[in-house]
Amino acid sequence: MKTAVSIPDDIFERAERLASQGRRSRSEVYAAALGEYLARHARDEVTDAMNRVCGDAGENDDAFLAAAGRRVLADTEW
């Protein structure tokens, strides 16, 4: 899909340098950046990913790890 967007000049220049350094097209850089942004900000996708990780990790009866996990989650901005 082709689309036109307006972005600030400084971001455009940084993206151009990144594309050139990585020998990638501008489209590849923008598509990857948008994909990462969506993955970080789509709440359902983040929740699904966390659920998969928790399911893969299995249950753990370690009281220290459980307390540390609760402390980290309590201090995390959601």
PDB file of N, CA and C in Angstrom:
ATOM      1  N   MET A   1       0.851  -1.178   0.000  1.00  0.00           N
ATOM      2  CA  MET A   1       0.000   0.000   0.000  1.00  0.00           C
ATOM      3  C   MET A   1       0.886   1.226   0.000  1.00  0.00           C
ATOM      4  N   LYS A   2       0.589   2.131  -0.850  1.00  0.00           N
ATOM      5  CA  LYS A   2       1.305   3.399  -0.881  1.00  0.00           C
ATOM      6  C   LYS A   2       0.500   4.429  -0.121  1.00  0.00           C
ATOM      7  N   THR A   3       1.216   5.289   0.606  1.00  0.00           N
ATOM      8  CA  THR A   3       0.550   6.369   1.330  1.00  0.00           C
ATOM      9  C   THR A   3       1.508   7.546   1.428  1.00  0.00           C
ATOM     10  N   ALA A   4       0.969   8.714   1.665  1.00  0.00           N
ATOM     11  CA  ALA A   4       1.800   9.909   1.851  1.00  0.00           C
ATOM     12  C   ALA A   4       1.577  10.418   3.264  1.00  0.00           C
ATOM     13  N   VAL A   5       2.667  10.733   3.946  1.00  0.00           N
ATOM     14  CA  VAL A   5       2.585  11.273   5.299  1.00  0.00           C
ATOM     15  C   VAL A   5       3.544  12.446   5.414  1.00  0.00           C
ATOM     16  N   SER A   6       3.264  13.312   6.361  1.00  0.00           N
ATOM     17  CA  SER A   6       4.158  14.431   6.645  1.00  0.00           C
ATOM     18  C   SER A   6       4.875  14.139   7.955  1.00  0.00           C
ATOM     19  N   ILE A   7       6.191  14.291   7.936  1.00  0.00           N
ATOM     20  CA  ILE A   7       6.979  14.096   9.152  1.00  0.00           C
ATOM     21  C   ILE A   7       7.963  15.250   9.279  1.00  0.00           C
ATOM     22  N   PRO A   8       8.386  15.543  10.495  1.00  0.00           N
ATOM     23  CA  PRO A   8       9.359  16.631  10.685  1.00  0.00           C
ATOM     24  C   PRO A   8      10.668  16.337   9.945  1.00  0.00           C
ATOM     25  N   ASP A   9      11.318  17.401   9.492  1.00  0.00           N
ATOM     26  CA  ASP A   9      12.556  17.268   8.717  1.00  0.00           C
ATOM     27  C   ASP A   9      13.637  16.489   9.466  1.00  0.00           C
ATOM     28  N   ASP A  10      13.783  16.736  10.776  1.00  0.00           N
ATOM     29  CA  ASP A  10      14.851  16.062  11.513  1.00  0.00           C
ATOM     30  C   ASP A  10      14.622  14.555  11.579  1.00  0.00           C
ATOM     31  N   ILE A  11      13.377  14.133  11.720  1.00  0.00           N
ATOM     32  CA  ILE A  11      13.075  12.699  11.749  1.00  0.00           C
ATOM     33  C   ILE A  11      13.319  12.096  10.372  1.00  0.00           C
ATOM     34  N   PHE A  12      12.936  12.826   9.324  1.00  0.00           N
ATOM     35  CA  PHE A  12      13.183  12.346   7.968  1.00  0.00           C
ATOM     36  C   PHE A  12      14.675  12.129   7.732  1.00  0.00           C
ATOM     37  N   GLU A  13      15.493  13.095   8.134  1.00  0.00           N
ATOM     38  CA  GLU A  13      16.938  12.983   7.928  1.00  0.00           C
ATOM     39  C   GLU A  13      17.522  11.804   8.704  1.00  0.00           C
ATOM     40  N   ARG A  14      17.059  11.604   9.928  1.00  0.00           N
ATOM     41  CA  ARG A  14      17.545  10.474  10.721  1.00  0.00           C
ATOM     42  C   ARG A  14      17.144   9.146  10.080  1.00  0.00           C
ATOM     43  N   ALA A  15      15.928   9.086   9.571  1.00  0.00           N
ATOM     44  CA  ALA A  15      15.466   7.860   8.912  1.00  0.00           C
ATOM     45  C   ALA A  15      16.259   7.607   7.632  1.00  0.00           C
ATOM     46  N   GLU A  16      16.578   8.654   6.910  1.00  0.00           N
ATOM     47  CA  GLU A  16      17.384   8.513   5.691  1.00  0.00           C
ATOM     48  C   GLU A  16      18.765   7.949   6.027  1.00  0.00           C
ATOM     49  N   ARG A  17      19.380   8.481   7.078  1.00  0.00           N
ATOM     50  CA  ARG A  17      20.703   7.977   7.476  1.00  0.00           C
ATOM     51  C   ARG A  17      20.628   6.518   7.898  1.00  0.00           C
ATOM     52  N   LEU A  18      19.602   6.184   8.671  1.00  0.00           N
ATOM     53  CA  LEU A  18      19.439   4.806   9.127  1.00  0.00           C
ATOM     54  C   LEU A  18      19.253   3.862   7.940  1.00  0.00           C
ATOM     55  N   ALA A  19      18.429   4.255   7.002  1.00  0.00           N
ATOM     56  CA  ALA A  19      18.201   3.432   5.813  1.00  0.00           C
ATOM     57  C   ALA A  19      19.496   3.243   5.039  1.00  0.00           C
ATOM     58  N   SER A  20      20.239   4.321   4.864  1.00  0.00           N
ATOM     59  CA  SER A  20      21.492   4.256   4.108  1.00  0.00           C
ATOM     60  C   SER A  20      22.517   3.377   4.814  1.00  0.00           C
ATOM     61  N   GLN A  21      22.656   3.564   6.112  1.00  0.00           N
ATOM     62  CA  GLN A  21      23.633   2.777   6.877  1.00  0.00           C
ATOM     63  C   GLN A  21      23.289   1.293   6.873  1.00  0.00           C
ATOM     64  N   GLY A  22      22.012   0.983   6.922  1.00  0.00           N
ATOM     65  CA  GLY A  22      21.589  -0.404   6.949  1.00  0.00           C
ATOM     66  C   GLY A  22      21.334  -0.991   5.580  1.00  0.00           C
ATOM     67  N   ARG A  23      21.606  -0.188   4.545  1.00  0.00           N
ATOM     68  CA  ARG A  23      21.366  -0.617   3.152  1.00  0.00           C
ATOM     69  C   ARG A  23      19.932  -1.131   2.979  1.00  0.00           C
ATOM     70  N   ARG A  24      19.010  -0.347   3.518  1.00  0.00           N
ATOM     71  CA  ARG A  24      17.591  -0.683   3.426  1.00  0.00           C
ATOM     72  C   ARG A  24      16.872   0.458   2.715  1.00  0.00           C
ATOM     73  N   SER A  25      15.720   0.151   2.191  1.00  0.00           N
ATOM     74  CA  SER A  25      14.938   1.205   1.544  1.00  0.00           C
ATOM     75  C   SER A  25      14.239   2.039   2.618  1.00  0.00           C
ATOM     76  N   ARG A  26      13.863   3.227   2.232  1.00  0.00           N
ATOM     77  CA  ARG A  26      13.101   4.100   3.123  1.00  0.00           C
ATOM     78  C   ARG A  26      11.810   3.402   3.537  1.00  0.00           C
ATOM     79  N   SER A  27      11.168   2.730   2.613  1.00  0.00           N
ATOM     80  CA  SER A  27       9.920   2.021   2.928  1.00  0.00           C
ATOM     81  C   SER A  27      10.134   0.945   3.983  1.00  0.00           C
ATOM     82  N   GLU A  28      11.249   0.216   3.878  1.00  0.00           N
ATOM     83  CA  GLU A  28      11.544  -0.818   4.867  1.00  0.00           C
ATOM     84  C   GLU A  28      11.709  -0.217   6.264  1.00  0.00           C
ATOM     85  N   VAL A  29      12.409   0.901   6.336  1.00  0.00           N
ATOM     86  CA  VAL A  29      12.636   1.558   7.631  1.00  0.00           C
ATOM     87  C   VAL A  29      11.312   2.042   8.220  1.00  0.00           C
ATOM     88  N   TYR A  30      10.503   2.701   7.415  1.00  0.00           N
ATOM     89  CA  TYR A  30       9.233   3.212   7.932  1.00  0.00           C
ATOM     90  C   TYR A  30       8.278   2.083   8.310  1.00  0.00           C
ATOM     91  N   ALA A  31       8.230   1.029   7.518  1.00  0.00           N
ATOM     92  CA  ALA A  31       7.358  -0.104   7.830  1.00  0.00           C
ATOM     93  C   ALA A  31       7.799  -0.780   9.133  1.00  0.00           C
ATOM     94  N   ALA A  32       9.109  -0.953   9.318  1.00  0.00           N
ATOM     95  CA  ALA A  32       9.617  -1.565  10.550  1.00  0.00           C
ATOM     96  C   ALA A  32       9.311  -0.679  11.757  1.00  0.00           C
ATOM     97  N   ALA A  33       9.503   0.622  11.599  1.00  0.00           N
ATOM     98  CA  ALA A  33       9.245   1.558  12.701  1.00  0.00           C
ATOM     99  C   ALA A  33       7.765   1.547  13.088  1.00  0.00           C
ATOM    100  N   LEU A  34       6.891   1.567  12.102  1.00  0.00           N
ATOM    101  CA  LEU A  34       5.463   1.549  12.393  1.00  0.00           C
ATOM    102  C   LEU A  34       5.052   0.219  13.016  1.00  0.00           C
ATOM    103  N   GLY A  35       5.634  -0.860  12.537  1.00  0.00           N
ATOM    104  CA  GLY A  35       5.350  -2.167  13.118  1.00  0.00           C
ATOM    105  C   GLY A  35       5.739  -2.232  14.588  1.00  0.00           C
ATOM    106  N   GLU A  36       6.924  -1.699  14.923  1.00  0.00           N
ATOM    107  CA  GLU A  36       7.359  -1.678  16.325  1.00  0.00           C
ATOM    108  C   GLU A  36       6.450  -0.794  17.164  1.00  0.00           C
ATOM    109  N   TYR A  37       6.072   0.354  16.633  1.00  0.00           N
ATOM    110  CA  TYR A  37       5.188   1.264  17.361  1.00  0.00           C
ATOM    111  C   TYR A  37       3.851   0.584  17.664  1.00  0.00           C
ATOM    112  N   LEU A  38       3.285  -0.057  16.655  1.00  0.00           N
ATOM    113  CA  LEU A  38       2.003  -0.735  16.856  1.00  0.00           C
ATOM    114  C   LEU A  38       2.120  -1.872  17.864  1.00  0.00           C
ATOM    115  N   ALA A  39       3.204  -2.607  17.810  1.00  0.00           N
ATOM    116  CA  ALA A  39       3.397  -3.712  18.755  1.00  0.00           C
ATOM    117  C   ALA A  39       3.493  -3.202  20.184  1.00  0.00           C
ATOM    118  N   ARG A  40       4.095  -2.054  20.372  1.00  0.00           N
ATOM    119  CA  ARG A  40       4.248  -1.499  21.719  1.00  0.00           C
ATOM    120  C   ARG A  40       2.973  -0.851  22.244  1.00  0.00           C
ATOM    121  N   HIS A  41       2.142  -0.374  21.344  1.00  0.00           N
ATOM    122  CA  HIS A  41       0.983   0.410  21.780  1.00  0.00           C
ATOM    123  C   HIS A  41      -0.366  -0.277  21.611  1.00  0.00           C
ATOM    124  N   ALA A  42      -0.396  -1.417  21.007  1.00  0.00           N
ATOM    125  CA  ALA A  42      -1.651  -2.160  20.863  1.00  0.00           C
ATOM    126  C   ALA A  42      -1.835  -3.001  22.128  1.00  0.00           C
ATOM    127  N   ARG A  43      -2.662  -2.551  23.030  1.00  0.00           N
ATOM    128  CA  ARG A  43      -2.805  -3.177  24.342  1.00  0.00           C
ATOM    129  C   ARG A  43      -3.144  -4.659  24.260  1.00  0.00           C
ATOM    130  N   ASP A  44      -4.028  -5.030  23.377  1.00  0.00           N
ATOM    131  CA  ASP A  44      -4.403  -6.444  23.266  1.00  0.00           C
ATOM    132  C   ASP A  44      -3.216  -7.296  22.847  1.00  0.00           C
ATOM    133  N   GLU A  45      -2.417  -6.788  21.932  1.00  0.00           N
ATOM    134  CA  GLU A  45      -1.254  -7.546  21.469  1.00  0.00           C
ATOM    135  C   GLU A  45      -0.206  -7.677  22.572  1.00  0.00           C
ATOM    136  N   VAL A  46      -0.028  -6.597  23.348  1.00  0.00           N
ATOM    137  CA  VAL A  46       0.921  -6.646  24.460  1.00  0.00           C
ATOM    138  C   VAL A  46       0.439  -7.641  25.500  1.00  0.00           C
ATOM    139  N   THR A  47      -0.835  -7.589  25.815  1.00  0.00           N
ATOM    140  CA  THR A  47      -1.395  -8.521  26.799  1.00  0.00           C
ATOM    141  C   THR A  47      -1.267  -9.954  26.313  1.00  0.00           C
ATOM    142  N   ASP A  48      -1.567 -10.199  25.052  1.00  0.00           N
ATOM    143  CA  ASP A  48      -1.443 -11.550  24.497  1.00  0.00           C
ATOM    144  C   ASP A  48      -0.001 -12.045  24.577  1.00  0.00           C
ATOM    145  N   ALA A  49       0.947 -11.165  24.275  1.00  0.00           N
ATOM    146  CA  ALA A  49       2.358 -11.548  24.330  1.00  0.00           C
ATOM    147  C   ALA A  49       2.771 -11.869  25.764  1.00  0.00           C
ATOM    148  N   MET A  50       2.330 -11.060  26.710  1.00  0.00           N
ATOM    149  CA  MET A  50       2.652 -11.318  28.116  1.00  0.00           C
ATOM    150  C   MET A  50       2.027 -12.630  28.579  1.00  0.00           C
ATOM    151  N   ASN A  51       0.810 -12.883  28.155  1.00  0.00           N
ATOM    152  CA  ASN A  51       0.151 -14.139  28.530  1.00  0.00           C
ATOM    153  C   ASN A  51       0.895 -15.349  27.968  1.00  0.00           C
ATOM    154  N   ARG A  52       1.400 -15.224  26.732  1.00  0.00           N
ATOM    155  CA  ARG A  52       2.169 -16.323  26.145  1.00  0.00           C
ATOM    156  C   ARG A  52       3.453 -16.564  26.931  1.00  0.00           C
ATOM    157  N   VAL A  53       4.130 -15.479  27.302  1.00  0.00           N
ATOM    158  CA  VAL A  53       5.373 -15.617  28.066  1.00  0.00           C
ATOM    159  C   VAL A  53       5.093 -16.265  29.414  1.00  0.00           C
ATOM    160  N   CYS A  54       4.057 -15.816  30.086  1.00  0.00           N
ATOM    161  CA  CYS A  54       3.711 -16.380  31.396  1.00  0.00           C
ATOM    162  C   CYS A  54       3.326 -17.849  31.262  1.00  0.00           C
ATOM    163  N   GLY A  55       2.605 -18.187  30.220  1.00  0.00           N
ATOM    164  CA  GLY A  55       2.219 -19.571  29.995  1.00  0.00           C
ATOM    165  C   GLY A  55       3.425 -20.454  29.707  1.00  0.00           C
ATOM    166  N   ASP A  56       4.379 -19.910  28.953  1.00  0.00           N
ATOM    167  CA  ASP A  56       5.589 -20.665  28.636  1.00  0.00           C
ATOM    168  C   ASP A  56       6.466 -20.864  29.868  1.00  0.00           C
ATOM    169  N   ALA A  57       6.445 -19.884  30.771  1.00  0.00           N
ATOM    170  CA  ALA A  57       7.307 -19.954  31.957  1.00  0.00           C
ATOM    171  C   ALA A  57       6.797 -20.976  32.967  1.00  0.00           C
ATOM    172  N   GLY A  58       5.499 -21.227  32.964  1.00  0.00           N
ATOM    173  CA  GLY A  58       4.943 -22.187  33.912  1.00  0.00           C
ATOM    174  C   GLY A  58       4.843 -21.590  35.299  1.00  0.00           C
ATOM    175  N   GLU A  59       4.489 -22.401  36.224  1.00  0.00           N
ATOM    176  CA  GLU A  59       4.323 -21.944  37.601  1.00  0.00           C
ATOM    177  C   GLU A  59       5.646 -22.040  38.339  1.00  0.00           C
ATOM    178  N   ASN A  60       5.823 -21.109  39.278  1.00  0.00           N
ATOM    179  CA  ASN A  60       7.043 -21.079  40.070  1.00  0.00           C
ATOM    180  C   ASN A  60       6.644 -20.805  41.508  1.00  0.00           C
ATOM    181  N   ASP A  61       7.077 -21.633  42.430  1.00  0.00           N
ATOM    182  CA  ASP A  61       6.726 -21.481  43.832  1.00  0.00           C
ATOM    183  C   ASP A  61       7.770 -20.697  44.614  1.00  0.00           C
ATOM    184  N   ASP A  62       8.697 -20.067  43.934  1.00  0.00           N
ATOM    185  CA  ASP A  62       9.757 -19.324  44.604  1.00  0.00           C
ATOM    186  C   ASP A  62       9.173 -18.026  45.179  1.00  0.00           C
ATOM    187  N   ALA A  63       9.097 -17.922  46.497  1.00  0.00           N
ATOM    188  CA  ALA A  63       8.495 -16.765  47.167  1.00  0.00           C
ATOM    189  C   ALA A  63       9.260 -15.482  46.859  1.00  0.00           C
ATOM    190  N   PHE A  64      10.594 -15.560  46.791  1.00  0.00           N
ATOM    191  CA  PHE A  64      11.397 -14.376  46.492  1.00  0.00           C
ATOM    192  C   PHE A  64      11.061 -13.830  45.110  1.00  0.00           C
ATOM    193  N   LEU A  65      11.013 -14.708  44.111  1.00  0.00           N
ATOM    194  CA  LEU A  65      10.696 -14.272  42.756  1.00  0.00           C
ATOM    195  C   LEU A  65       9.294 -13.693  42.663  1.00  0.00           C
ATOM    196  N   ALA A  66       8.360 -14.301  43.349  1.00  0.00           N
ATOM    197  CA  ALA A  66       6.984 -13.795  43.342  1.00  0.00           C
ATOM    198  C   ALA A  66       6.922 -12.400  43.948  1.00  0.00           C
ATOM    199  N   ALA A  67       7.593 -12.184  45.084  1.00  0.00           N
ATOM    200  CA  ALA A  67       7.587 -10.872  45.733  1.00  0.00           C
ATOM    201  C   ALA A  67       8.282  -9.831  44.858  1.00  0.00           C
ATOM    202  N   ALA A  68       9.409 -10.207  44.250  1.00  0.00           N
ATOM    203  CA  ALA A  68      10.128  -9.283  43.373  1.00  0.00           C
ATOM    204  C   ALA A  68       9.277  -8.911  42.163  1.00  0.00           C
ATOM    205  N   GLY A  69       8.600  -9.889  41.605  1.00  0.00           N
ATOM    206  CA  GLY A  69       7.729  -9.621  40.461  1.00  0.00           C
ATOM    207  C   GLY A  69       6.601  -8.674  40.808  1.00  0.00           C
ATOM    208  N   ARG A  70       5.990  -8.879  41.969  1.00  0.00           N
ATOM    209  CA  ARG A  70       4.906  -7.976  42.398  1.00  0.00           C
ATOM    210  C   ARG A  70       5.435  -6.560  42.601  1.00  0.00           C
ATOM    211  N   ARG A  71       6.629  -6.431  43.167  1.00  0.00           N
ATOM    212  CA  ARG A  71       7.214  -5.114  43.413  1.00  0.00           C
ATOM    213  C   ARG A  71       7.487  -4.397  42.088  1.00  0.00           C
ATOM    214  N   VAL A  72       8.038  -5.099  41.127  1.00  0.00           N
ATOM    215  CA  VAL A  72       8.316  -4.484  39.826  1.00  0.00           C
ATOM    216  C   VAL A  72       7.018  -4.069  39.138  1.00  0.00           C
ATOM    217  N   LEU A  73       6.032  -4.943  39.163  1.00  0.00           N
ATOM    218  CA  LEU A  73       4.753  -4.612  38.526  1.00  0.00           C
ATOM    219  C   LEU A  73       4.065  -3.448  39.212  1.00  0.00           C
ATOM    220  N   ALA A  74       4.177  -3.347  40.516  1.00  0.00           N
ATOM    221  CA  ALA A  74       3.554  -2.229  41.243  1.00  0.00           C
ATOM    222  C   ALA A  74       4.197  -0.904  40.867  1.00  0.00           C
ATOM    223  N   ASP A  75       5.495  -0.919  40.543  1.00  0.00           N
ATOM    224  CA  ASP A  75       6.210   0.309  40.202  1.00  0.00           C
ATOM    225  C   ASP A  75       6.184   0.632  38.719  1.00  0.00           C
ATOM    226  N   THR A  76       5.516  -0.201  37.909  1.00  0.00           N
ATOM    227  CA  THR A  76       5.484  -0.022  36.465  1.00  0.00           C
ATOM    228  C   THR A  76       4.254   0.773  36.061  1.00  0.00           C
ATOM    229  N   GLU A  77       4.465   1.781  35.200  1.00  0.00           N
ATOM    230  CA  GLU A  77       3.342   2.569  34.675  1.00  0.00           C
ATOM    231  C   GLU A  77       2.694   1.792  33.533  1.00  0.00           C
ATOM    232  N   TRP A  78       1.440   1.538  33.632  1.00  0.00           N
ATOM    233  CA  TRP A  78       0.696   0.807  32.609  1.00  0.00           C
ATOM    234  C   TRP A  78      -0.036   1.795  31.795  1.00  0.00           C
TER     235      TRP A  78
END
